[in-house]
Every structure is written in structure tokens, then in C-alpha cells.
Amino acid sequence: ATPLPTPDPALAELKLIGLGWYDDYDLLLSFQFPGPVDPGAYRVTMEGKEYKCEVIPGYPERLYCRGQGARVLGTAWVRVYPGGSQQPGFEKEVWVPFFDNDYASFYH
């Protein structure tokens, strides 16, 4: 018998807490983990496109991932894979909002 991989307990408690646009139409996905997270321990995709993830000082339990944007005003699948696994430990269908990069008028 082949042992089944042990599920990553952190992914059972993972929450997607934000989704936003960069000026270059990349998307930022923000995740909340139950404790400090190692960005090298996970792989994140949206609609099959790889996202580059990092932890920023002051927020060791959050993972911020940037990658190519998805089609707007529709849904897209976000998946988080533990280690070298090809099986996602977290997946969620999200609504992708329209981007509005006219921030100059917002600040005046």
C-alpha cells in the first residue's frame, strides 16, 4: 500500500483575504495563515498561471502573491499547493473585479 500524503494543516485554515490590481495589470493575492509562513513552502496559481509569493516584515503570517491578472468581471480559480505537490491543498473560486487605475483623481 502507498501511504497517502499528509495534508498540510496550515492550508486547512488558510484564508484568501485580498485581491487587488497593480498598475501593470498584475494581480495581488493576499493570504492569511494560522501562523508564520515560509513563502518557499507553497506554490500559488490563478487560472493555472504561477504567482510569485513573499512575506513582508511585520506580517509573518501573511503571504502576498503577484502574478498575471485574470479575465475581469468573471470568476477564476485560486489554488495553493504545498511543497512539490501537484495536488492543491487550498482552492477557491473568486470574482475578479474590474481594474480602475485612475488613482490621480482619487487623491485630489
Protein backbone atom coordinates (compact mmCIF):
# COMPACT_ATOMS: atom_id res chain seq x y z
CA ALA A 1 0.00 0.00 0.00
CA THR A 2 1.20 3.50 -0.82
CA PRO A 3 0.81 5.95 2.05
CA LEU A 4 -1.28 8.99 1.24
CA PRO A 5 0.47 12.36 1.60
CA THR A 6 -0.20 14.06 4.91
CA PRO A 7 -2.35 17.14 4.31
CA ASP A 8 -0.78 20.47 5.26
CA PRO A 9 -2.67 21.59 8.40
CA ALA A 10 -1.95 25.29 7.65
CA LEU A 11 -3.85 25.03 4.36
CA ALA A 12 -6.95 23.79 6.19
CA GLU A 13 -7.07 27.17 7.99
CA LEU A 14 -5.88 29.33 5.08
CA LYS A 15 -7.97 32.38 4.13
CA LEU A 16 -7.75 34.48 0.98
CA ILE A 17 -8.05 37.98 2.48
CA GLY A 18 -7.47 40.24 -0.51
CA LEU A 19 -7.29 40.61 -4.27
CA GLY A 20 -6.15 43.79 -5.98
CA TRP A 21 -4.69 45.16 -9.18
CA TYR A 22 -1.23 46.61 -9.83
CA ASP A 23 -0.77 49.41 -12.39
CA ASP A 24 0.70 46.88 -14.88
CA TYR A 25 -2.44 44.67 -14.64
CA ASP A 26 -0.79 42.06 -12.46
CA LEU A 27 -2.92 40.85 -9.58
CA LEU A 28 -2.02 40.71 -5.90
CA LEU A 29 -3.47 37.85 -3.86
CA SER A 30 -3.18 38.12 -0.06
CA PHE A 31 -3.46 35.07 2.18
CA GLN A 32 -3.77 34.76 5.96
CA PHE A 33 -2.11 31.70 7.50
CA PRO A 34 -2.69 30.48 11.09
CA GLY A 35 0.96 31.24 11.93
CA PRO A 36 4.26 32.35 10.35
CA VAL A 37 4.59 31.17 6.76
CA ASP A 38 7.59 30.27 4.59
CA PRO A 39 6.90 31.55 1.05
CA GLY A 40 9.13 28.80 -0.36
CA ALA A 41 6.89 26.11 1.10
CA TYR A 42 3.94 26.87 -1.19
CA ARG A 43 3.14 27.39 -4.85
CA VAL A 44 0.21 29.65 -5.82
CA THR A 45 -1.65 29.77 -9.13
CA MET A 46 -4.64 31.59 -10.55
CA GLU A 47 -6.21 30.01 -13.61
CA GLY A 48 -3.06 27.89 -13.96
CA LYS A 49 -0.66 30.88 -14.01
CA GLU A 50 2.15 30.84 -11.45
CA TYR A 51 2.32 33.64 -8.87
CA LYS A 52 5.48 34.83 -7.08
CA CYS A 53 4.97 35.00 -3.31
CA GLU A 54 6.66 36.80 -0.45
CA VAL A 55 6.21 37.65 3.21
CA ILE A 56 6.67 41.28 4.20
CA PRO A 57 8.18 42.40 7.52
CA GLY A 58 5.62 42.87 10.25
CA TYR A 59 3.19 40.31 8.77
CA PRO A 60 4.88 36.90 9.10
CA GLU A 61 1.54 35.06 8.93
CA ARG A 62 0.56 36.58 5.58
CA LEU A 63 1.59 35.55 2.10
CA TYR A 64 1.45 38.15 -0.69
CA CYS A 65 1.49 36.73 -4.22
CA ARG A 66 1.77 38.60 -7.51
CA GLY A 67 1.09 37.29 -10.98
CA GLN A 68 -0.63 37.75 -14.31
CA GLY A 69 -4.18 39.04 -14.00
CA ALA A 70 -7.22 37.03 -14.92
CA ARG A 71 -10.22 37.93 -17.04
CA VAL A 72 -12.17 40.68 -15.29
CA LEU A 73 -15.84 40.58 -14.29
CA GLY A 74 -15.77 36.82 -14.09
CA THR A 75 -14.63 34.04 -11.80
CA ALA A 76 -11.20 32.46 -11.58
CA TRP A 77 -9.74 29.59 -9.55
CA VAL A 78 -7.01 30.32 -7.00
CA ARG A 79 -5.03 27.27 -5.86
CA VAL A 80 -2.30 26.86 -3.25
CA TYR A 81 -0.05 23.80 -3.46
CA PRO A 82 2.13 22.55 -0.59
CA GLY A 83 5.78 21.83 -1.31
CA GLY A 84 6.34 19.99 -4.57
CA SER A 85 2.79 18.62 -4.68
CA GLN A 86 0.66 18.67 -7.82
CA GLN A 87 -2.48 18.41 -5.67
CA PRO A 88 -3.77 21.73 -4.31
CA GLY A 89 -4.29 21.93 -0.56
CA PHE A 90 -6.46 25.03 -0.96
CA GLU A 91 -8.67 26.11 -3.86
CA LYS A 92 -11.26 28.83 -4.12
CA GLU A 93 -13.27 30.32 -6.94
CA VAL A 94 -13.08 34.13 -6.74
CA TRP A 95 -14.74 37.05 -8.51
CA VAL A 96 -12.21 39.19 -10.40
CA PRO A 97 -13.20 42.87 -10.21
CA PHE A 98 -12.71 45.41 -12.98
CA PHE A 99 -9.47 47.38 -12.65
CA ASP A 100 -9.56 51.16 -12.35
CA ASN A 101 -6.11 52.71 -12.47
CA ASP A 102 -7.24 56.33 -12.42
CA TYR A 103 -5.82 56.90 -8.95
CA ALA A 104 -4.79 60.52 -9.73
CA SER A 105 -8.44 61.65 -9.49
CA PHE A 106 -8.89 59.64 -6.29
CA TYR A 107 -6.26 61.65 -4.40
CA HIS A 108 -7.50 65.12 -5.44
